[in-house]
Amino acid sequence: MIPFNDPRLTAIGLLSEVHAGLTAKTTPALVAAGMSEIDFETLLRLARSPHRRLRMSDLAAQTNLSTSGVTRVVDRLERDDLVRRQACPTDRRASYAVLTDAGAARLEGVLPTHIADIEQWFTGLLTPQQLDQLLEALRIIRDVVRPSATAGAEHVERTEEEVATGAGG
């Protein structure tokens, strides 16, 4: 019989408690900026991507949403002019979500407060060595349990201008 104080149970319990606590501490700044957590995550993932864009399927994989779920998020962000859709020049079946300048500005507006919250409630509580070790451990686990979390990050599709001019590839 596995004891109730098994360290594996403690590890997953602590991870769950930390996630819930950090979410409670960081969400108010996002809400004040008119964003949900998934809006912020979507804009951030696009901002970090080459050409500030991702295929919709890769964005769904990175955000752990279904294709219909990511479509609803992108529809809402597109109505607010924070993202736009772009057809893929090399695959008619695919389209991209592209971060607009307004989306980048909205993200830049909330980042200082969000980063301050992260520093206060998370990273600032750790030494640089502890943070490095935590990041390394989290990446090991993430790469096994959610290997699609970085989908499309390494793949850079040429833009329409690059295809038209023969540049970029």
N, C-alpha and C. Protein backbone atom coordinates (compact mmCIF):
# COMPACT_ATOMS: atom_id res chain seq x y z
N MET A 1 0.84 -1.19 0.00
CA MET A 1 0.00 0.00 0.00
C MET A 1 0.89 1.25 0.00
N ILE A 2 0.52 2.21 -0.81
CA ILE A 2 1.27 3.47 -0.89
C ILE A 2 0.84 4.36 0.27
N PRO A 3 1.81 4.89 1.02
CA PRO A 3 1.46 5.76 2.16
C PRO A 3 0.92 7.11 1.66
N PHE A 4 0.04 7.69 2.46
CA PHE A 4 -0.56 8.96 2.10
C PHE A 4 0.45 10.10 2.05
N ASN A 5 1.58 9.93 2.71
CA ASN A 5 2.61 10.97 2.70
C ASN A 5 3.71 10.69 1.68
N ASP A 6 3.38 9.92 0.65
CA ASP A 6 4.32 9.60 -0.42
C ASP A 6 4.81 10.90 -1.05
N PRO A 7 6.12 11.07 -1.26
CA PRO A 7 6.64 12.32 -1.83
C PRO A 7 6.11 12.61 -3.23
N ARG A 8 5.70 11.60 -3.97
CA ARG A 8 5.12 11.84 -5.30
C ARG A 8 3.78 12.56 -5.18
N LEU A 9 3.00 12.18 -4.17
CA LEU A 9 1.73 12.88 -3.92
C LEU A 9 1.99 14.31 -3.45
N THR A 10 3.01 14.45 -2.62
CA THR A 10 3.37 15.79 -2.12
C THR A 10 3.81 16.68 -3.28
N ALA A 11 4.62 16.14 -4.19
CA ALA A 11 5.12 16.93 -5.32
C ALA A 11 3.97 17.44 -6.19
N ILE A 12 3.05 16.56 -6.56
CA ILE A 12 1.96 17.01 -7.43
C ILE A 12 1.01 17.93 -6.67
N GLY A 13 0.83 17.69 -5.39
CA GLY A 13 -0.01 18.57 -4.58
C GLY A 13 0.58 19.96 -4.46
N LEU A 14 1.89 20.04 -4.21
CA LEU A 14 2.55 21.34 -4.12
C LEU A 14 2.47 22.09 -5.45
N LEU A 15 2.68 21.37 -6.55
CA LEU A 15 2.62 21.99 -7.87
C LEU A 15 1.22 22.57 -8.11
N SER A 16 0.20 21.82 -7.76
CA SER A 16 -1.17 22.28 -7.92
C SER A 16 -1.45 23.50 -7.05
N GLU A 17 -1.00 23.47 -5.80
CA GLU A 17 -1.21 24.59 -4.89
C GLU A 17 -0.49 25.85 -5.36
N VAL A 18 0.74 25.68 -5.83
CA VAL A 18 1.52 26.82 -6.32
C VAL A 18 0.84 27.42 -7.55
N HIS A 19 0.41 26.57 -8.48
CA HIS A 19 -0.25 27.08 -9.68
C HIS A 19 -1.51 27.86 -9.31
N ALA A 20 -2.33 27.31 -8.43
CA ALA A 20 -3.56 28.00 -8.02
C ALA A 20 -3.24 29.33 -7.34
N GLY A 21 -2.24 29.32 -6.48
CA GLY A 21 -1.87 30.55 -5.77
C GLY A 21 -1.31 31.61 -6.69
N LEU A 22 -0.44 31.20 -7.61
CA LEU A 22 0.13 32.17 -8.56
C LEU A 22 -0.93 32.73 -9.50
N THR A 23 -1.84 31.87 -9.92
CA THR A 23 -2.94 32.33 -10.78
C THR A 23 -3.77 33.39 -10.06
N ALA A 24 -4.07 33.14 -8.79
CA ALA A 24 -4.85 34.10 -8.00
C ALA A 24 -4.10 35.43 -7.83
N LYS A 25 -2.79 35.38 -7.74
CA LYS A 25 -2.00 36.60 -7.54
C LYS A 25 -1.76 37.38 -8.84
N THR A 26 -1.69 36.68 -9.97
CA THR A 26 -1.33 37.35 -11.22
C THR A 26 -2.52 37.71 -12.11
N THR A 27 -3.64 37.04 -11.94
CA THR A 27 -4.79 37.28 -12.81
C THR A 27 -5.39 38.68 -12.67
N PRO A 28 -5.47 39.27 -11.48
CA PRO A 28 -6.10 40.60 -11.38
C PRO A 28 -5.49 41.66 -12.30
N ALA A 29 -4.19 41.66 -12.49
CA ALA A 29 -3.56 42.64 -13.38
C ALA A 29 -3.98 42.41 -14.83
N LEU A 30 -4.14 41.15 -15.22
CA LEU A 30 -4.59 40.85 -16.57
C LEU A 30 -6.03 41.32 -16.77
N VAL A 31 -6.87 41.01 -15.79
CA VAL A 31 -8.28 41.42 -15.87
C VAL A 31 -8.39 42.94 -15.93
N ALA A 32 -7.58 43.64 -15.14
CA ALA A 32 -7.59 45.11 -15.15
C ALA A 32 -7.20 45.65 -16.52
N ALA A 33 -6.39 44.90 -17.26
CA ALA A 33 -5.98 45.31 -18.61
C ALA A 33 -6.95 44.81 -19.68
N GLY A 34 -8.06 44.20 -19.24
CA GLY A 34 -9.07 43.73 -20.19
C GLY A 34 -8.72 42.42 -20.86
N MET A 35 -7.91 41.60 -20.19
CA MET A 35 -7.48 40.33 -20.76
C MET A 35 -7.79 39.17 -19.84
N SER A 36 -8.09 38.04 -20.44
CA SER A 36 -8.16 36.79 -19.69
C SER A 36 -6.77 36.16 -19.72
N GLU A 37 -6.60 35.11 -18.93
CA GLU A 37 -5.31 34.40 -18.96
C GLU A 37 -5.00 33.87 -20.35
N ILE A 38 -6.01 33.31 -21.02
CA ILE A 38 -5.77 32.72 -22.34
C ILE A 38 -5.50 33.81 -23.38
N ASP A 39 -6.11 34.98 -23.24
CA ASP A 39 -5.79 36.09 -24.13
C ASP A 39 -4.32 36.47 -23.98
N PHE A 40 -3.89 36.62 -22.74
CA PHE A 40 -2.49 36.98 -22.46
C PHE A 40 -1.55 35.92 -23.01
N GLU A 41 -1.86 34.65 -22.73
CA GLU A 41 -1.00 33.56 -23.19
C GLU A 41 -0.91 33.54 -24.72
N THR A 42 -2.03 33.78 -25.38
CA THR A 42 -2.05 33.79 -26.84
C THR A 42 -1.20 34.94 -27.39
N LEU A 43 -1.40 36.13 -26.86
CA LEU A 43 -0.61 37.28 -27.32
C LEU A 43 0.87 37.08 -27.05
N LEU A 44 1.21 36.54 -25.88
CA LEU A 44 2.61 36.32 -25.54
C LEU A 44 3.25 35.28 -26.46
N ARG A 45 2.53 34.20 -26.72
CA ARG A 45 3.08 33.16 -27.61
C ARG A 45 3.31 33.72 -29.01
N LEU A 46 2.40 34.55 -29.49
CA LEU A 46 2.60 35.17 -30.80
C LEU A 46 3.77 36.14 -30.77
N ALA A 47 3.88 36.94 -29.72
CA ALA A 47 4.98 37.91 -29.62
C ALA A 47 6.33 37.22 -29.61
N ARG A 48 6.41 36.03 -29.05
CA ARG A 48 7.68 35.30 -28.95
C ARG A 48 8.01 34.50 -30.21
N SER A 49 7.10 34.47 -31.16
CA SER A 49 7.27 33.64 -32.35
C SER A 49 7.89 34.44 -33.50
N PRO A 50 8.59 33.74 -34.40
CA PRO A 50 9.15 34.43 -35.57
C PRO A 50 8.04 35.15 -36.35
N HIS A 51 8.31 36.35 -36.75
CA HIS A 51 7.35 37.19 -37.49
C HIS A 51 6.08 37.46 -36.69
N ARG A 52 6.13 37.24 -35.37
CA ARG A 52 4.99 37.45 -34.46
C ARG A 52 3.75 36.69 -34.93
N ARG A 53 3.95 35.46 -35.42
CA ARG A 53 2.82 34.68 -35.91
C ARG A 53 3.04 33.19 -35.69
N LEU A 54 1.94 32.47 -35.63
CA LEU A 54 1.95 31.02 -35.53
C LEU A 54 0.81 30.46 -36.37
N ARG A 55 1.03 29.28 -36.93
CA ARG A 55 -0.09 28.58 -37.55
C ARG A 55 -1.15 28.37 -36.48
N MET A 56 -2.39 28.42 -36.87
CA MET A 56 -3.47 28.23 -35.91
C MET A 56 -3.34 26.88 -35.21
N SER A 57 -2.95 25.85 -35.94
CA SER A 57 -2.80 24.52 -35.32
C SER A 57 -1.67 24.52 -34.29
N ASP A 58 -0.59 25.22 -34.56
CA ASP A 58 0.51 25.30 -33.60
C ASP A 58 0.11 26.14 -32.38
N LEU A 59 -0.64 27.20 -32.61
CA LEU A 59 -1.13 28.02 -31.50
C LEU A 59 -2.05 27.19 -30.61
N ALA A 60 -2.90 26.38 -31.22
CA ALA A 60 -3.77 25.50 -30.43
C ALA A 60 -2.94 24.54 -29.59
N ALA A 61 -1.92 23.95 -30.19
CA ALA A 61 -1.06 23.01 -29.46
C ALA A 61 -0.31 23.71 -28.34
N GLN A 62 0.22 24.88 -28.61
CA GLN A 62 0.99 25.60 -27.58
C GLN A 62 0.13 26.04 -26.41
N THR A 63 -1.11 26.39 -26.67
CA THR A 63 -1.99 26.88 -25.61
C THR A 63 -2.85 25.77 -25.00
N ASN A 64 -2.70 24.56 -25.52
CA ASN A 64 -3.45 23.40 -25.04
C ASN A 64 -4.96 23.58 -25.26
N LEU A 65 -5.30 24.25 -26.34
CA LEU A 65 -6.70 24.42 -26.72
C LEU A 65 -7.02 23.53 -27.90
N SER A 66 -8.29 23.19 -28.06
CA SER A 66 -8.73 22.50 -29.27
C SER A 66 -8.67 23.49 -30.43
N THR A 67 -8.80 22.99 -31.65
CA THR A 67 -8.79 23.90 -32.79
C THR A 67 -9.99 24.84 -32.74
N SER A 68 -11.14 24.34 -32.30
CA SER A 68 -12.30 25.24 -32.18
C SER A 68 -12.10 26.23 -31.04
N GLY A 69 -11.45 25.80 -29.97
CA GLY A 69 -11.17 26.70 -28.85
C GLY A 69 -10.24 27.83 -29.24
N VAL A 70 -9.18 27.51 -29.97
CA VAL A 70 -8.25 28.57 -30.38
C VAL A 70 -8.91 29.48 -31.41
N THR A 71 -9.79 28.93 -32.23
CA THR A 71 -10.52 29.76 -33.19
C THR A 71 -11.37 30.79 -32.46
N ARG A 72 -12.06 30.38 -31.40
CA ARG A 72 -12.87 31.33 -30.62
C ARG A 72 -12.01 32.42 -29.98
N VAL A 73 -10.85 32.03 -29.44
CA VAL A 73 -9.96 33.02 -28.82
C VAL A 73 -9.46 34.00 -29.88
N VAL A 74 -9.01 33.48 -31.01
CA VAL A 74 -8.50 34.35 -32.07
C VAL A 74 -9.61 35.23 -32.64
N ASP A 75 -10.83 34.68 -32.77
CA ASP A 75 -11.96 35.51 -33.23
C ASP A 75 -12.14 36.72 -32.31
N ARG A 76 -12.13 36.47 -31.01
CA ARG A 76 -12.33 37.56 -30.04
C ARG A 76 -11.18 38.57 -30.11
N LEU A 77 -9.95 38.08 -30.17
CA LEU A 77 -8.79 38.97 -30.24
C LEU A 77 -8.76 39.74 -31.56
N GLU A 78 -9.24 39.09 -32.62
CA GLU A 78 -9.30 39.76 -33.92
C GLU A 78 -10.34 40.88 -33.91
N ARG A 79 -11.48 40.66 -33.25
CA ARG A 79 -12.49 41.72 -33.13
C ARG A 79 -11.94 42.94 -32.41
N ASP A 80 -11.02 42.70 -31.48
CA ASP A 80 -10.39 43.80 -30.73
C ASP A 80 -9.14 44.34 -31.42
N ASP A 81 -8.86 43.86 -32.65
CA ASP A 81 -7.70 44.27 -33.45
C ASP A 81 -6.37 43.95 -32.76
N LEU A 82 -6.34 42.90 -31.94
CA LEU A 82 -5.11 42.51 -31.27
C LEU A 82 -4.35 41.46 -32.07
N VAL A 83 -5.07 40.71 -32.88
CA VAL A 83 -4.46 39.76 -33.81
C VAL A 83 -5.21 39.87 -35.13
N ARG A 84 -4.59 39.33 -36.16
CA ARG A 84 -5.26 39.20 -37.45
C ARG A 84 -4.92 37.84 -38.01
N ARG A 85 -5.73 37.39 -38.92
CA ARG A 85 -5.45 36.12 -39.59
C ARG A 85 -4.71 36.41 -40.89
N GLN A 86 -3.86 35.46 -41.26
CA GLN A 86 -3.10 35.59 -42.50
C GLN A 86 -3.09 34.22 -43.17
N ALA A 87 -3.40 34.18 -44.44
CA ALA A 87 -3.36 32.92 -45.18
C ALA A 87 -1.91 32.47 -45.33
N CYS A 88 -1.71 31.17 -45.29
CA CYS A 88 -0.37 30.62 -45.51
C CYS A 88 -0.09 30.63 -47.01
N PRO A 89 1.01 31.23 -47.44
CA PRO A 89 1.28 31.33 -48.88
C PRO A 89 1.66 29.99 -49.52
N THR A 90 2.03 29.01 -48.71
CA THR A 90 2.48 27.73 -49.27
C THR A 90 1.52 26.57 -48.99
N ASP A 91 0.46 26.82 -48.21
CA ASP A 91 -0.50 25.76 -47.88
C ASP A 91 -1.87 26.41 -47.70
N ARG A 92 -2.74 26.22 -48.71
CA ARG A 92 -4.05 26.87 -48.68
C ARG A 92 -4.92 26.42 -47.51
N ARG A 93 -4.61 25.26 -46.94
CA ARG A 93 -5.42 24.75 -45.83
C ARG A 93 -5.06 25.42 -44.51
N ALA A 94 -3.91 26.04 -44.45
CA ALA A 94 -3.42 26.59 -43.18
C ALA A 94 -3.58 28.11 -43.13
N SER A 95 -3.71 28.61 -41.93
CA SER A 95 -3.69 30.05 -41.73
C SER A 95 -2.92 30.36 -40.46
N TYR A 96 -2.51 31.60 -40.35
CA TYR A 96 -1.74 32.06 -39.21
C TYR A 96 -2.57 33.01 -38.37
N ALA A 97 -2.26 33.04 -37.09
CA ALA A 97 -2.68 34.13 -36.22
C ALA A 97 -1.46 35.02 -36.10
N VAL A 98 -1.63 36.31 -36.34
CA VAL A 98 -0.52 37.26 -36.36
C VAL A 98 -0.81 38.36 -35.33
N LEU A 99 0.16 38.63 -34.50
CA LEU A 99 0.04 39.71 -33.52
C LEU A 99 0.08 41.05 -34.23
N THR A 100 -0.90 41.90 -33.98
CA THR A 100 -0.92 43.24 -34.58
C THR A 100 -0.11 44.19 -33.69
N ASP A 101 0.13 45.38 -34.21
CA ASP A 101 0.81 46.40 -33.40
C ASP A 101 -0.03 46.74 -32.16
N ALA A 102 -1.36 46.77 -32.33
CA ALA A 102 -2.24 47.04 -31.18
C ALA A 102 -2.14 45.92 -30.15
N GLY A 103 -2.02 44.68 -30.63
CA GLY A 103 -1.86 43.54 -29.72
C GLY A 103 -0.54 43.61 -28.97
N ALA A 104 0.52 43.99 -29.68
CA ALA A 104 1.83 44.13 -29.04
C ALA A 104 1.78 45.26 -28.01
N ALA A 105 1.09 46.34 -28.34
CA ALA A 105 0.98 47.47 -27.40
C ALA A 105 0.20 47.06 -26.15
N ARG A 106 -0.89 46.30 -26.33
CA ARG A 106 -1.68 45.85 -25.18
C ARG A 106 -0.83 44.94 -24.30
N LEU A 107 -0.07 44.06 -24.92
CA LEU A 107 0.81 43.16 -24.18
C LEU A 107 1.89 43.95 -23.44
N GLU A 108 2.51 44.90 -24.13
CA GLU A 108 3.54 45.73 -23.50
C GLU A 108 2.97 46.55 -22.34
N GLY A 109 1.70 46.91 -22.44
CA GLY A 109 1.07 47.68 -21.37
C GLY A 109 0.88 46.90 -20.09
N VAL A 110 0.59 45.61 -20.20
CA VAL A 110 0.34 44.78 -19.01
C VAL A 110 1.61 44.11 -18.50
N LEU A 111 2.62 43.97 -19.34
CA LEU A 111 3.83 43.23 -18.93
C LEU A 111 4.53 43.78 -17.69
N PRO A 112 4.72 45.08 -17.54
CA PRO A 112 5.43 45.54 -16.34
C PRO A 112 4.76 45.10 -15.03
N THR A 113 3.44 45.23 -14.97
CA THR A 113 2.73 44.80 -13.76
C THR A 113 2.77 43.29 -13.61
N HIS A 114 2.58 42.58 -14.71
CA HIS A 114 2.59 41.12 -14.66
C HIS A 114 3.96 40.60 -14.22
N ILE A 115 5.01 41.17 -14.78
CA ILE A 115 6.36 40.74 -14.41
C ILE A 115 6.65 41.09 -12.95
N ALA A 116 6.18 42.24 -12.50
CA ALA A 116 6.36 42.60 -11.08
C ALA A 116 5.64 41.60 -10.18
N ASP A 117 4.43 41.18 -10.58
CA ASP A 117 3.71 40.17 -9.81
C ASP A 117 4.47 38.84 -9.79
N ILE A 118 5.00 38.45 -10.94
CA ILE A 118 5.78 37.21 -11.01
C ILE A 118 7.00 37.30 -10.11
N GLU A 119 7.67 38.43 -10.15
CA GLU A 119 8.86 38.64 -9.32
C GLU A 119 8.48 38.59 -7.83
N GLN A 120 7.40 39.25 -7.46
CA GLN A 120 7.01 39.30 -6.05
C GLN A 120 6.57 37.94 -5.53
N TRP A 121 5.78 37.22 -6.30
CA TRP A 121 5.14 36.01 -5.79
C TRP A 121 5.81 34.72 -6.23
N PHE A 122 6.85 34.79 -7.09
CA PHE A 122 7.43 33.55 -7.62
C PHE A 122 8.94 33.65 -7.73
N THR A 123 9.44 34.24 -8.79
CA THR A 123 10.87 34.18 -9.06
C THR A 123 11.70 34.91 -8.02
N GLY A 124 11.17 35.97 -7.44
CA GLY A 124 11.91 36.72 -6.42
C GLY A 124 12.07 35.97 -5.11
N LEU A 125 11.32 34.91 -4.94
CA LEU A 125 11.42 34.10 -3.73
C LEU A 125 12.54 33.06 -3.83
N LEU A 126 13.12 32.93 -5.02
CA LEU A 126 14.15 31.92 -5.28
C LEU A 126 15.49 32.58 -5.55
N THR A 127 16.56 31.87 -5.24
CA THR A 127 17.89 32.33 -5.64
C THR A 127 18.02 32.08 -7.14
N PRO A 128 18.96 32.75 -7.81
CA PRO A 128 19.17 32.48 -9.24
C PRO A 128 19.43 30.99 -9.51
N GLN A 129 20.18 30.35 -8.64
CA GLN A 129 20.47 28.92 -8.83
C GLN A 129 19.19 28.08 -8.68
N GLN A 130 18.38 28.40 -7.69
CA GLN A 130 17.12 27.67 -7.52
C GLN A 130 16.21 27.86 -8.73
N LEU A 131 16.15 29.08 -9.25
CA LEU A 131 15.32 29.34 -10.42
C LEU A 131 15.83 28.56 -11.62
N ASP A 132 17.13 28.54 -11.85
CA ASP A 132 17.70 27.77 -12.96
C ASP A 132 17.36 26.29 -12.83
N GLN A 133 17.49 25.75 -11.63
CA GLN A 133 17.18 24.34 -11.39
C GLN A 133 15.69 24.06 -11.61
N LEU A 134 14.85 24.96 -11.13
CA LEU A 134 13.41 24.79 -11.31
C LEU A 134 13.05 24.82 -12.79
N LEU A 135 13.59 25.78 -13.54
CA LEU A 135 13.31 25.86 -14.97
C LEU A 135 13.76 24.60 -15.69
N GLU A 136 14.93 24.10 -15.34
CA GLU A 136 15.43 22.87 -15.96
C GLU A 136 14.49 21.71 -15.66
N ALA A 137 14.09 21.56 -14.42
CA ALA A 137 13.19 20.47 -14.03
C ALA A 137 11.83 20.60 -14.72
N LEU A 138 11.29 21.81 -14.76
CA LEU A 138 9.99 22.01 -15.39
C LEU A 138 10.04 21.71 -16.89
N ARG A 139 11.13 22.06 -17.55
CA ARG A 139 11.25 21.76 -18.99
C ARG A 139 11.31 20.26 -19.24
N ILE A 140 12.01 19.53 -18.38
CA ILE A 140 12.08 18.07 -18.52
C ILE A 140 10.67 17.48 -18.45
N ILE A 141 9.92 17.90 -17.46
CA ILE A 141 8.57 17.38 -17.28
C ILE A 141 7.66 17.84 -18.41
N ARG A 142 7.71 19.13 -18.74
CA ARG A 142 6.87 19.68 -19.82
C ARG A 142 7.10 18.95 -21.14
N ASP A 143 8.36 18.67 -21.46
CA ASP A 143 8.67 18.03 -22.74
C ASP A 143 8.12 16.61 -22.84
N VAL A 144 7.85 15.99 -21.69
CA VAL A 144 7.26 14.65 -21.69
C VAL A 144 5.73 14.72 -21.68
N VAL A 145 5.18 15.56 -20.81
CA VAL A 145 3.72 15.58 -20.66
C VAL A 145 3.02 16.47 -21.68
N ARG A 146 3.72 17.45 -22.25
CA ARG A 146 3.14 18.34 -23.26
C ARG A 146 4.17 18.66 -24.33
N PRO A 147 4.60 17.66 -25.11
CA PRO A 147 5.64 17.91 -26.10
C PRO A 147 5.22 18.93 -27.17
N SER A 148 3.94 19.15 -27.34
CA SER A 148 3.48 20.12 -28.35
C SER A 148 3.47 21.55 -27.83
N ALA A 149 3.92 21.77 -26.60
CA ALA A 149 3.88 23.11 -26.01
C ALA A 149 4.74 24.12 -26.76
N THR A 150 5.68 23.65 -27.54
CA THR A 150 6.52 24.55 -28.34
C THR A 150 6.30 24.35 -29.83
N ALA A 151 5.15 23.78 -30.21
CA ALA A 151 4.86 23.49 -31.61
C ALA A 151 4.99 24.74 -32.46
N GLY A 152 5.71 24.61 -33.56
CA GLY A 152 5.86 25.72 -34.49
C GLY A 152 6.93 26.72 -34.12
N ALA A 153 7.47 26.62 -32.93
CA ALA A 153 8.46 27.61 -32.49
C ALA A 153 9.74 27.52 -33.30
N GLU A 154 10.08 26.31 -33.73
CA GLU A 154 11.32 26.15 -34.48
C GLU A 154 11.11 26.24 -35.98
N HIS A 155 9.85 26.26 -36.42
CA HIS A 155 9.53 26.27 -37.84
C HIS A 155 9.20 27.69 -38.28
N VAL A 156 9.99 28.22 -39.19
CA VAL A 156 9.74 29.58 -39.68
C VAL A 156 9.33 29.48 -41.14
N GLU A 157 8.07 29.76 -41.40
CA GLU A 157 7.53 29.78 -42.75
C GLU A 157 7.83 31.15 -43.36
N ARG A 158 8.13 31.17 -44.64
CA ARG A 158 8.41 32.45 -45.29
C ARG A 158 7.15 33.30 -45.39
N THR A 159 7.32 34.62 -45.31
CA THR A 159 6.18 35.53 -45.45
C THR A 159 5.79 35.62 -46.92
N GLU A 160 4.62 36.21 -47.19
CA GLU A 160 4.19 36.39 -48.58
C GLU A 160 5.19 37.21 -49.37
N GLU A 161 5.75 38.25 -48.73
CA GLU A 161 6.75 39.08 -49.41
C GLU A 161 8.00 38.27 -49.75
N GLU A 162 8.42 37.41 -48.81
CA GLU A 162 9.60 36.58 -49.05
C GLU A 162 9.34 35.59 -50.18
N VAL A 163 8.12 35.03 -50.24
CA VAL A 163 7.78 34.12 -51.32
C VAL A 163 7.79 34.87 -52.65
N ALA A 164 7.18 36.06 -52.66
CA ALA A 164 7.08 36.86 -53.89
C ALA A 164 8.45 37.30 -54.41
N THR A 165 9.35 37.64 -53.48
CA THR A 165 10.66 38.15 -53.90
C THR A 165 11.73 37.07 -53.96
N GLY A 166 11.38 35.86 -53.50
CA GLY A 166 12.37 34.78 -53.47
C GLY A 166 13.33 34.89 -52.31
N ALA A 167 13.06 35.77 -51.36
CA ALA A 167 13.96 35.97 -50.21
C ALA A 167 13.60 35.00 -49.09
N GLY A 168 14.46 34.93 -48.11
CA GLY A 168 14.19 34.20 -46.89
C GLY A 168 14.22 32.71 -47.00
N GLY A 169 14.73 32.15 -48.04
CA GLY A 169 14.73 30.70 -48.02
C GLY A 169 15.38 30.13 -49.20
